[in-house]
Amino acid sequence: MRRRRQELDPEANGEGMSAIVSPFRGRQSAFRKRKSPLGDSKVVDYLDAKFLSQFINDQGKILPRRVTGLTAYQQRQVARAIKYARHLALLPFVAQDLK
């Protein structure tokens, strides 16, 4: 795998630490903490079909963690709630065909 050329920034201040400058992206900053899609709520309610539908794609499949941005624990809670809501007929098992 080929790496992009990176250079040390001569203008960076600090003892022994220099910011990395990429010729393609410019100065790279620190990562921002992502906001949780669940918000402050720690409980996933299986009765809230509108909330659970944002974690389902067009085909009715449960979206993976890398797409939803949830933690592993939250992803398991959401998946369990979606499956329970499907059994109660609150959410569809498959996508509805529009003809």
PDB file of N, CA and C in Angstrom:
ATOM      1  N   MET A   1       0.841  -1.166   0.000  1.00  0.00           N
ATOM      2  CA  MET A   1       0.000   0.000   0.000  1.00  0.00           C
ATOM      3  C   MET A   1       0.891   1.235   0.000  1.00  0.00           C
ATOM      4  N   ARG A   2       0.571   2.167  -0.816  1.00  0.00           N
ATOM      5  CA  ARG A   2       1.386   3.351  -0.976  1.00  0.00           C
ATOM      6  C   ARG A   2       0.893   4.476  -0.075  1.00  0.00           C
ATOM      7  N   ARG A   3       1.776   5.096   0.646  1.00  0.00           N
ATOM      8  CA  ARG A   3       1.403   6.186   1.533  1.00  0.00           C
ATOM      9  C   ARG A   3       1.587   7.518   0.839  1.00  0.00           C
ATOM     10  N   ARG A   4       0.770   8.482   1.237  1.00  0.00           N
ATOM     11  CA  ARG A   4       0.913   9.824   0.697  1.00  0.00           C
ATOM     12  C   ARG A   4       2.110  10.512   1.347  1.00  0.00           C
ATOM     13  N   ARG A   5       2.709  11.404   0.608  1.00  0.00           N
ATOM     14  CA  ARG A   5       3.870  12.119   1.111  1.00  0.00           C
ATOM     15  C   ARG A   5       3.439  13.118   2.191  1.00  0.00           C
ATOM     16  N   GLN A   6       4.066  13.031   3.350  1.00  0.00           N
ATOM     17  CA  GLN A   6       3.776  13.949   4.428  1.00  0.00           C
ATOM     18  C   GLN A   6       5.056  14.647   4.835  1.00  0.00           C
ATOM     19  N   GLU A   7       4.941  15.892   5.173  1.00  0.00           N
ATOM     20  CA  GLU A   7       6.098  16.671   5.582  1.00  0.00           C
ATOM     21  C   GLU A   7       5.842  17.271   6.945  1.00  0.00           C
ATOM     22  N   LEU A   8       6.902  17.522   7.702  1.00  0.00           N
ATOM     23  CA  LEU A   8       6.767  18.197   8.980  1.00  0.00           C
ATOM     24  C   LEU A   8       6.671  19.691   8.757  1.00  0.00           C
ATOM     25  N   ASP A   9       5.795  20.327   9.477  1.00  0.00           N
ATOM     26  CA  ASP A   9       5.579  21.763   9.346  1.00  0.00           C
ATOM     27  C   ASP A   9       6.675  22.503  10.115  1.00  0.00           C
ATOM     28  N   PRO A  10       7.513  23.286   9.462  1.00  0.00           N
ATOM     29  CA  PRO A  10       8.589  23.974  10.155  1.00  0.00           C
ATOM     30  C   PRO A  10       8.091  25.109  11.048  1.00  0.00           C
ATOM     31  N   GLU A  11       6.855  25.583  10.824  1.00  0.00           N
ATOM     32  CA  GLU A  11       6.329  26.690  11.609  1.00  0.00           C
ATOM     33  C   GLU A  11       5.613  26.231  12.871  1.00  0.00           C
ATOM     34  N   ALA A  12       5.468  24.937  13.071  1.00  0.00           N
ATOM     35  CA  ALA A  12       4.732  24.444  14.230  1.00  0.00           C
ATOM     36  C   ALA A  12       5.532  24.687  15.500  1.00  0.00           C
ATOM     37  N   ASN A  13       4.823  25.151  16.515  1.00  0.00           N
ATOM     38  CA  ASN A  13       5.455  25.388  17.807  1.00  0.00           C
ATOM     39  C   ASN A  13       5.293  24.156  18.684  1.00  0.00           C
ATOM     40  N   GLY A  14       6.223  23.958  19.577  1.00  0.00           N
ATOM     41  CA  GLY A  14       6.162  22.819  20.483  1.00  0.00           C
ATOM     42  C   GLY A  14       7.513  22.154  20.556  1.00  0.00           C
ATOM     43  N   GLU A  15       7.715  21.476  21.638  1.00  0.00           N
ATOM     44  CA  GLU A  15       8.996  20.812  21.842  1.00  0.00           C
ATOM     45  C   GLU A  15       8.926  19.396  21.293  1.00  0.00           C
ATOM     46  N   GLY A  16       9.546  19.162  20.186  1.00  0.00           N
ATOM     47  CA  GLY A  16       9.615  17.830  19.609  1.00  0.00           C
ATOM     48  C   GLY A  16       8.348  17.390  18.905  1.00  0.00           C
ATOM     49  N   MET A  17       7.300  18.184  18.955  1.00  0.00           N
ATOM     50  CA  MET A  17       6.056  17.813  18.305  1.00  0.00           C
ATOM     51  C   MET A  17       5.774  18.800  17.187  1.00  0.00           C
ATOM     52  N   SER A  18       5.590  18.300  16.016  1.00  0.00           N
ATOM     53  CA  SER A  18       5.267  19.145  14.875  1.00  0.00           C
ATOM     54  C   SER A  18       3.961  18.678  14.265  1.00  0.00           C
ATOM     55  N   ALA A  19       3.207  19.595  13.743  1.00  0.00           N
ATOM     56  CA  ALA A  19       1.967  19.242  13.069  1.00  0.00           C
ATOM     57  C   ALA A  19       2.318  18.625  11.718  1.00  0.00           C
ATOM     58  N   ILE A  20       1.535  17.669  11.295  1.00  0.00           N
ATOM     59  CA  ILE A  20       1.771  17.010  10.015  1.00  0.00           C
ATOM     60  C   ILE A  20       1.013  17.755   8.936  1.00  0.00           C
ATOM     61  N   VAL A  21       1.703  18.091   7.876  1.00  0.00           N
ATOM     62  CA  VAL A  21       1.085  18.784   6.758  1.00  0.00           C
ATOM     63  C   VAL A  21       1.083  17.838   5.573  1.00  0.00           C
ATOM     64  N   SER A  22      -0.099  17.584   5.057  1.00  0.00           N
ATOM     65  CA  SER A  22      -0.239  16.735   3.891  1.00  0.00           C
ATOM     66  C   SER A  22      -0.393  17.648   2.672  1.00  0.00           C
ATOM     67  N   PRO A  23       0.279  17.343   1.569  1.00  0.00           N
ATOM     68  CA  PRO A  23       0.126  18.197   0.388  1.00  0.00           C
ATOM     69  C   PRO A  23      -1.282  18.140  -0.199  1.00  0.00           C
ATOM     70  N   PHE A  24      -2.070  17.144   0.185  1.00  0.00           N
ATOM     71  CA  PHE A  24      -3.409  16.987  -0.355  1.00  0.00           C
ATOM     72  C   PHE A  24      -4.476  17.617   0.529  1.00  0.00           C
ATOM     73  N   ARG A  25      -4.315  17.528   1.855  1.00  0.00           N
ATOM     74  CA  ARG A  25      -5.355  17.973   2.769  1.00  0.00           C
ATOM     75  C   ARG A  25      -4.990  19.215   3.562  1.00  0.00           C
ATOM     76  N   GLY A  26      -3.756  19.622   3.540  1.00  0.00           N
ATOM     77  CA  GLY A  26      -3.343  20.758   4.362  1.00  0.00           C
ATOM     78  C   GLY A  26      -3.090  20.312   5.793  1.00  0.00           C
ATOM     79  N   ARG A  27      -3.214  21.217   6.727  1.00  0.00           N
ATOM     80  CA  ARG A  27      -2.957  20.916   8.139  1.00  0.00           C
ATOM     81  C   ARG A  27      -4.070  20.027   8.688  1.00  0.00           C
ATOM     82  N   GLN A  28      -3.683  18.952   9.354  1.00  0.00           N
ATOM     83  CA  GLN A  28      -4.655  18.037   9.928  1.00  0.00           C
ATOM     84  C   GLN A  28      -4.886  18.399  11.385  1.00  0.00           C
ATOM     85  N   SER A  29      -6.137  18.472  11.775  1.00  0.00           N
ATOM     86  CA  SER A  29      -6.466  18.846  13.142  1.00  0.00           C
ATOM     87  C   SER A  29      -6.846  17.611  13.945  1.00  0.00           C
ATOM     88  N   ALA A  30      -7.046  17.804  15.221  1.00  0.00           N
ATOM     89  CA  ALA A  30      -7.432  16.703  16.107  1.00  0.00           C
ATOM     90  C   ALA A  30      -8.845  16.239  15.745  1.00  0.00           C
ATOM     91  N   PHE A  31      -9.151  14.998  16.088  1.00  0.00           N
ATOM     92  CA  PHE A  31     -10.464  14.435  15.796  1.00  0.00           C
ATOM     93  C   PHE A  31     -11.516  15.086  16.684  1.00  0.00           C
ATOM     94  N   ARG A  32     -12.677  15.315  16.115  1.00  0.00           N
ATOM     95  CA  ARG A  32     -13.804  15.832  16.885  1.00  0.00           C
ATOM     96  C   ARG A  32     -14.586  14.659  17.435  1.00  0.00           C
ATOM     97  N   LYS A  33     -15.073  14.812  18.642  1.00  0.00           N
ATOM     98  CA  LYS A  33     -15.875  13.769  19.245  1.00  0.00           C
ATOM     99  C   LYS A  33     -17.243  13.764  18.577  1.00  0.00           C
ATOM    100  N   ARG A  34     -17.684  12.608  18.153  1.00  0.00           N
ATOM    101  CA  ARG A  34     -18.966  12.505  17.470  1.00  0.00           C
ATOM    102  C   ARG A  34     -20.107  12.548  18.466  1.00  0.00           C
ATOM    103  N   LYS A  35     -21.199  13.124  18.030  1.00  0.00           N
ATOM    104  CA  LYS A  35     -22.388  13.170  18.847  1.00  0.00           C
ATOM    105  C   LYS A  35     -23.146  11.861  18.657  1.00  0.00           C
ATOM    106  N   SER A  36     -23.655  11.309  19.733  1.00  0.00           N
ATOM    107  CA  SER A  36     -24.375  10.049  19.665  1.00  0.00           C
ATOM    108  C   SER A  36     -25.730  10.237  19.004  1.00  0.00           C
ATOM    109  N   PRO A  37     -26.107   9.366  18.079  1.00  0.00           N
ATOM    110  CA  PRO A  37     -27.428   9.463  17.447  1.00  0.00           C
ATOM    111  C   PRO A  37     -28.565   9.240  18.448  1.00  0.00           C
ATOM    112  N   LEU A  38     -28.258   8.568  19.566  1.00  0.00           N
ATOM    113  CA  LEU A  38     -29.287   8.333  20.574  1.00  0.00           C
ATOM    114  C   LEU A  38     -29.518   9.557  21.449  1.00  0.00           C
ATOM    115  N   GLY A  39     -28.583  10.493  21.422  1.00  0.00           N
ATOM    116  CA  GLY A  39     -28.711  11.680  22.253  1.00  0.00           C
ATOM    117  C   GLY A  39     -28.414  11.353  23.711  1.00  0.00           C
ATOM    118  N   ASP A  40     -29.111  12.012  24.610  1.00  0.00           N
ATOM    119  CA  ASP A  40     -28.894  11.785  26.035  1.00  0.00           C
ATOM    120  C   ASP A  40     -29.658  10.572  26.541  1.00  0.00           C
ATOM    121  N   SER A  41     -30.620  10.092  25.755  1.00  0.00           N
ATOM    122  CA  SER A  41     -31.426   8.955  26.170  1.00  0.00           C
ATOM    123  C   SER A  41     -30.593   7.684  26.154  1.00  0.00           C
ATOM    124  N   LYS A  42     -30.615   6.962  27.256  1.00  0.00           N
ATOM    125  CA  LYS A  42     -29.869   5.712  27.327  1.00  0.00           C
ATOM    126  C   LYS A  42     -30.773   4.507  27.096  1.00  0.00           C
ATOM    127  N   VAL A  43     -32.087   4.752  27.034  1.00  0.00           N
ATOM    128  CA  VAL A  43     -33.044   3.675  26.860  1.00  0.00           C
ATOM    129  C   VAL A  43     -33.563   3.705  25.427  1.00  0.00           C
ATOM    130  N   VAL A  44     -33.543   2.552  24.768  1.00  0.00           N
ATOM    131  CA  VAL A  44     -34.075   2.426  23.413  1.00  0.00           C
ATOM    132  C   VAL A  44     -35.463   1.811  23.537  1.00  0.00           C
ATOM    133  N   ASP A  45     -36.483   2.536  23.100  1.00  0.00           N
ATOM    134  CA  ASP A  45     -37.865   2.090  23.234  1.00  0.00           C
ATOM    135  C   ASP A  45     -38.308   1.411  21.942  1.00  0.00           C
ATOM    136  N   TYR A  46     -38.763   0.181  22.045  1.00  0.00           N
ATOM    137  CA  TYR A  46     -39.184  -0.563  20.860  1.00  0.00           C
ATOM    138  C   TYR A  46     -40.511  -0.063  20.308  1.00  0.00           C
ATOM    139  N   LEU A  47     -41.254   0.725  21.080  1.00  0.00           N
ATOM    140  CA  LEU A  47     -42.537   1.250  20.616  1.00  0.00           C
ATOM    141  C   LEU A  47     -42.381   2.483  19.734  1.00  0.00           C
ATOM    142  N   ASP A  48     -41.214   3.096  19.748  1.00  0.00           N
ATOM    143  CA  ASP A  48     -40.964   4.304  18.969  1.00  0.00           C
ATOM    144  C   ASP A  48     -40.473   3.911  17.566  1.00  0.00           C
ATOM    145  N   ALA A  49     -41.426   3.608  16.688  1.00  0.00           N
ATOM    146  CA  ALA A  49     -41.096   3.114  15.345  1.00  0.00           C
ATOM    147  C   ALA A  49     -40.416   4.178  14.491  1.00  0.00           C
ATOM    148  N   LYS A  50     -40.800   5.439  14.677  1.00  0.00           N
ATOM    149  CA  LYS A  50     -40.190   6.512  13.891  1.00  0.00           C
ATOM    150  C   LYS A  50     -38.707   6.650  14.224  1.00  0.00           C
ATOM    151  N   PHE A  51     -38.362   6.546  15.514  1.00  0.00           N
ATOM    152  CA  PHE A  51     -36.961   6.615  15.942  1.00  0.00           C
ATOM    153  C   PHE A  51     -36.172   5.418  15.423  1.00  0.00           C
ATOM    154  N   LEU A  52     -36.739   4.219  15.520  1.00  0.00           N
ATOM    155  CA  LEU A  52     -36.040   3.011  15.084  1.00  0.00           C
ATOM    156  C   LEU A  52     -35.885   2.956  13.568  1.00  0.00           C
ATOM    157  N   SER A  53     -36.776   3.613  12.836  1.00  0.00           N
ATOM    158  CA  SER A  53     -36.695   3.556  11.373  1.00  0.00           C
ATOM    159  C   SER A  53     -35.466   4.278  10.825  1.00  0.00           C
ATOM    160  N   GLN A  54     -34.835   5.150  11.611  1.00  0.00           N
ATOM    161  CA  GLN A  54     -33.625   5.812  11.123  1.00  0.00           C
ATOM    162  C   GLN A  54     -32.417   4.876  11.140  1.00  0.00           C
ATOM    163  N   PHE A  55     -32.549   3.710  11.771  1.00  0.00           N
ATOM    164  CA  PHE A  55     -31.481   2.721  11.807  1.00  0.00           C
ATOM    165  C   PHE A  55     -31.737   1.570  10.845  1.00  0.00           C
ATOM    166  N   ILE A  56     -32.701   1.747   9.936  1.00  0.00           N
ATOM    167  CA  ILE A  56     -33.056   0.731   8.942  1.00  0.00           C
ATOM    168  C   ILE A  56     -32.891   1.346   7.560  1.00  0.00           C
ATOM    169  N   ASN A  57     -32.319   0.581   6.609  1.00  0.00           N
ATOM    170  CA  ASN A  57     -32.163   1.122   5.252  1.00  0.00           C
ATOM    171  C   ASN A  57     -33.444   0.927   4.438  1.00  0.00           C
ATOM    172  N   ASP A  58     -33.386   1.265   3.162  1.00  0.00           N
ATOM    173  CA  ASP A  58     -34.563   1.198   2.292  1.00  0.00           C
ATOM    174  C   ASP A  58     -35.090  -0.225   2.124  1.00  0.00           C
ATOM    175  N   GLN A  59     -34.204  -1.196   2.236  1.00  0.00           N
ATOM    176  CA  GLN A  59     -34.609  -2.585   2.057  1.00  0.00           C
ATOM    177  C   GLN A  59     -35.134  -3.209   3.345  1.00  0.00           C
ATOM    178  N   GLY A  60     -35.061  -2.477   4.453  1.00  0.00           N
ATOM    179  CA  GLY A  60     -35.535  -3.011   5.733  1.00  0.00           C
ATOM    180  C   GLY A  60     -34.446  -3.656   6.553  1.00  0.00           C
ATOM    181  N   LYS A  61     -33.192  -3.542   6.106  1.00  0.00           N
ATOM    182  CA  LYS A  61     -32.081  -4.146   6.844  1.00  0.00           C
ATOM    183  C   LYS A  61     -31.580  -3.190   7.923  1.00  0.00           C
ATOM    184  N   ILE A  62     -31.077  -3.755   9.007  1.00  0.00           N
ATOM    185  CA  ILE A  62     -30.521  -2.953  10.090  1.00  0.00           C
ATOM    186  C   ILE A  62     -29.150  -2.440   9.650  1.00  0.00           C
ATOM    187  N   LEU A  63     -28.934  -1.135   9.795  1.00  0.00           N
ATOM    188  CA  LEU A  63     -27.673  -0.522   9.379  1.00  0.00           C
ATOM    189  C   LEU A  63     -26.539  -0.920  10.326  1.00  0.00           C
ATOM    190  N   PRO A  64     -25.309  -1.074   9.815  1.00  0.00           N
ATOM    191  CA  PRO A  64     -24.177  -1.447  10.663  1.00  0.00           C
ATOM    192  C   PRO A  64     -23.686  -0.277  11.515  1.00  0.00           C
ATOM    193  N   ARG A  65     -22.864  -0.600  12.492  1.00  0.00           N
ATOM    194  CA  ARG A  65     -22.318   0.397  13.419  1.00  0.00           C
ATOM    195  C   ARG A  65     -21.522   1.484  12.723  1.00  0.00           C
ATOM    196  N   ARG A  66     -20.770   1.110  11.707  1.00  0.00           N
ATOM    197  CA  ARG A  66     -19.924   2.104  11.033  1.00  0.00           C
ATOM    198  C   ARG A  66     -20.747   3.173  10.333  1.00  0.00           C
ATOM    199  N   VAL A  67     -22.005   2.853  10.036  1.00  0.00           N
ATOM    200  CA  VAL A  67     -22.896   3.821   9.398  1.00  0.00           C
ATOM    201  C   VAL A  67     -23.669   4.621  10.445  1.00  0.00           C
ATOM    202  N   THR A  68     -24.168   3.936  11.475  1.00  0.00           N
ATOM    203  CA  THR A  68     -24.994   4.608  12.477  1.00  0.00           C
ATOM    204  C   THR A  68     -24.179   5.427  13.460  1.00  0.00           C
ATOM    205  N   GLY A  69     -22.945   5.020  13.732  1.00  0.00           N
ATOM    206  CA  GLY A  69     -22.113   5.742  14.686  1.00  0.00           C
ATOM    207  C   GLY A  69     -22.413   5.399  16.127  1.00  0.00           C
ATOM    208  N   LEU A  70     -23.099   4.295  16.359  1.00  0.00           N
ATOM    209  CA  LEU A  70     -23.426   3.867  17.710  1.00  0.00           C
ATOM    210  C   LEU A  70     -22.285   3.072  18.318  1.00  0.00           C
ATOM    211  N   THR A  71     -22.291   2.957  19.645  1.00  0.00           N
ATOM    212  CA  THR A  71     -21.341   2.072  20.309  1.00  0.00           C
ATOM    213  C   THR A  71     -21.853   0.644  20.144  1.00  0.00           C
ATOM    214  N   ALA A  72     -21.032  -0.327  20.488  1.00  0.00           N
ATOM    215  CA  ALA A  72     -21.431  -1.730  20.341  1.00  0.00           C
ATOM    216  C   ALA A  72     -22.636  -2.043  21.222  1.00  0.00           C
ATOM    217  N   TYR A  73     -22.623  -1.520  22.442  1.00  0.00           N
ATOM    218  CA  TYR A  73     -23.735  -1.746  23.372  1.00  0.00           C
ATOM    219  C   TYR A  73     -25.019  -1.119  22.836  1.00  0.00           C
ATOM    220  N   GLN A  74     -24.942   0.110  22.336  1.00  0.00           N
ATOM    221  CA  GLN A  74     -26.114   0.787  21.782  1.00  0.00           C
ATOM    222  C   GLN A  74     -26.623   0.083  20.530  1.00  0.00           C
ATOM    223  N   GLN A  75     -25.699  -0.407  19.698  1.00  0.00           N
ATOM    224  CA  GLN A  75     -26.087  -1.104  18.471  1.00  0.00           C
ATOM    225  C   GLN A  75     -26.860  -2.375  18.808  1.00  0.00           C
ATOM    226  N   ARG A  76     -26.428  -3.097  19.839  1.00  0.00           N
ATOM    227  CA  ARG A  76     -27.148  -4.300  20.259  1.00  0.00           C
ATOM    228  C   ARG A  76     -28.541  -3.948  20.782  1.00  0.00           C
ATOM    229  N   GLN A  77     -28.642  -2.862  21.539  1.00  0.00           N
ATOM    230  CA  GLN A  77     -29.946  -2.424  22.042  1.00  0.00           C
ATOM    231  C   GLN A  77     -30.888  -2.057  20.894  1.00  0.00           C
ATOM    232  N   VAL A  78     -30.371  -1.321  19.923  1.00  0.00           N
ATOM    233  CA  VAL A  78     -31.189  -0.900  18.783  1.00  0.00           C
ATOM    234  C   VAL A  78     -31.609  -2.116  17.962  1.00  0.00           C
ATOM    235  N   ALA A  79     -30.690  -3.031  17.711  1.00  0.00           N
ATOM    236  CA  ALA A  79     -31.011  -4.224  16.923  1.00  0.00           C
ATOM    237  C   ALA A  79     -32.070  -5.064  17.629  1.00  0.00           C
ATOM    238  N   ARG A  80     -31.938  -5.213  18.937  1.00  0.00           N
ATOM    239  CA  ARG A  80     -32.916  -5.985  19.712  1.00  0.00           C
ATOM    240  C   ARG A  80     -34.283  -5.297  19.668  1.00  0.00           C
ATOM    241  N   ALA A  81     -34.311  -3.981  19.777  1.00  0.00           N
ATOM    242  CA  ALA A  81     -35.573  -3.242  19.752  1.00  0.00           C
ATOM    243  C   ALA A  81     -36.230  -3.325  18.372  1.00  0.00           C
ATOM    244  N   ILE A  82     -35.425  -3.260  17.309  1.00  0.00           N
ATOM    245  CA  ILE A  82     -35.964  -3.370  15.948  1.00  0.00           C
ATOM    246  C   ILE A  82     -36.573  -4.744  15.732  1.00  0.00           C
ATOM    247  N   LYS A  83     -35.879  -5.787  16.167  1.00  0.00           N
ATOM    248  CA  LYS A  83     -36.395  -7.151  15.993  1.00  0.00           C
ATOM    249  C   LYS A  83     -37.684  -7.366  16.791  1.00  0.00           C
ATOM    250  N   TYR A  84     -37.731  -6.805  17.999  1.00  0.00           N
ATOM    251  CA  TYR A  84     -38.931  -6.918  18.824  1.00  0.00           C
ATOM    252  C   TYR A  84     -40.087  -6.154  18.191  1.00  0.00           C
ATOM    253  N   ALA A  85     -39.804  -4.960  17.659  1.00  0.00           N
ATOM    254  CA  ALA A  85     -40.839  -4.158  17.003  1.00  0.00           C
ATOM    255  C   ALA A  85     -41.345  -4.845  15.733  1.00  0.00           C
ATOM    256  N   ARG A  86     -40.484  -5.567  15.053  1.00  0.00           N
ATOM    257  CA  ARG A  86     -40.919  -6.315  13.862  1.00  0.00           C
ATOM    258  C   ARG A  86     -41.891  -7.423  14.245  1.00  0.00           C
ATOM    259  N   HIS A  87     -41.610  -8.116  15.356  1.00  0.00           N
ATOM    260  CA  HIS A  87     -42.494  -9.198  15.792  1.00  0.00           C
ATOM    261  C   HIS A  87     -43.843  -8.674  16.254  1.00  0.00           C
ATOM    262  N   LEU A  88     -43.873  -7.443  16.740  1.00  0.00           N
ATOM    263  CA  LEU A  88     -45.133  -6.827  17.145  1.00  0.00           C
ATOM    264  C   LEU A  88     -45.821  -6.104  15.990  1.00  0.00           C
ATOM    265  N   ALA A  89     -45.261  -6.208  14.786  1.00  0.00           N
ATOM    266  CA  ALA A  89     -45.790  -5.609  13.555  1.00  0.00           C
ATOM    267  C   ALA A  89     -45.787  -4.084  13.606  1.00  0.00           C
ATOM    268  N   LEU A  90     -44.837  -3.503  14.350  1.00  0.00           N
ATOM    269  CA  LEU A  90     -44.680  -2.054  14.367  1.00  0.00           C
ATOM    270  C   LEU A  90     -43.755  -1.600  13.239  1.00  0.00           C
ATOM    271  N   LEU A  91     -42.839  -2.479  12.841  1.00  0.00           N
ATOM    272  CA  LEU A  91     -41.911  -2.218  11.729  1.00  0.00           C
ATOM    273  C   LEU A  91     -42.024  -3.363  10.737  1.00  0.00           C
ATOM    274  N   PRO A  92     -41.812  -3.085   9.450  1.00  0.00           N
ATOM    275  CA  PRO A  92     -41.871  -4.160   8.459  1.00  0.00           C
ATOM    276  C   PRO A  92     -40.594  -5.007   8.473  1.00  0.00           C
ATOM    277  N   PHE A  93     -40.741  -6.275   8.126  1.00  0.00           N
ATOM    278  CA  PHE A  93     -39.574  -7.150   8.016  1.00  0.00           C
ATOM    279  C   PHE A  93     -38.785  -6.839   6.753  1.00  0.00           C
ATOM    280  N   VAL A  94     -39.488  -6.535   5.677  1.00  0.00           N
ATOM    281  CA  VAL A  94     -38.853  -6.200   4.397  1.00  0.00           C
ATOM    282  C   VAL A  94     -39.431  -4.885   3.890  1.00  0.00           C
ATOM    283  N   ALA A  95     -38.779  -4.338   2.887  1.00  0.00           N
ATOM    284  CA  ALA A  95     -39.240  -3.071   2.313  1.00  0.00           C
ATOM    285  C   ALA A  95     -40.538  -3.290   1.554  1.00  0.00           C
ATOM    286  N   GLN A  96     -41.337  -2.256   1.526  1.00  0.00           N
ATOM    287  CA  GLN A  96     -42.588  -2.323   0.785  1.00  0.00           C
ATOM    288  C   GLN A  96     -42.330  -1.873  -0.641  1.00  0.00           C
ATOM    289  N   ASP A  97     -42.764  -2.678  -1.611  1.00  0.00           N
ATOM    290  CA  ASP A  97     -42.573  -2.335  -3.021  1.00  0.00           C
ATOM    291  C   ASP A  97     -43.564  -1.260  -3.426  1.00  0.00           C
ATOM    292  N   LEU A  98     -43.039  -0.243  -4.061  1.00  0.00           N
ATOM    293  CA  LEU A  98     -43.898   0.817  -4.577  1.00  0.00           C
ATOM    294  C   LEU A  98     -44.043   0.625  -6.081  1.00  0.00           C
ATOM    295  N   LYS A  99     -45.211   0.211  -6.523  1.00  0.00           N
ATOM    296  CA  LYS A  99     -45.442  -0.036  -7.943  1.00  0.00           C
ATOM    297  C   LYS A  99     -46.481   0.886  -8.486  1.00  0.00           C
TER     298      LYS A  99
END
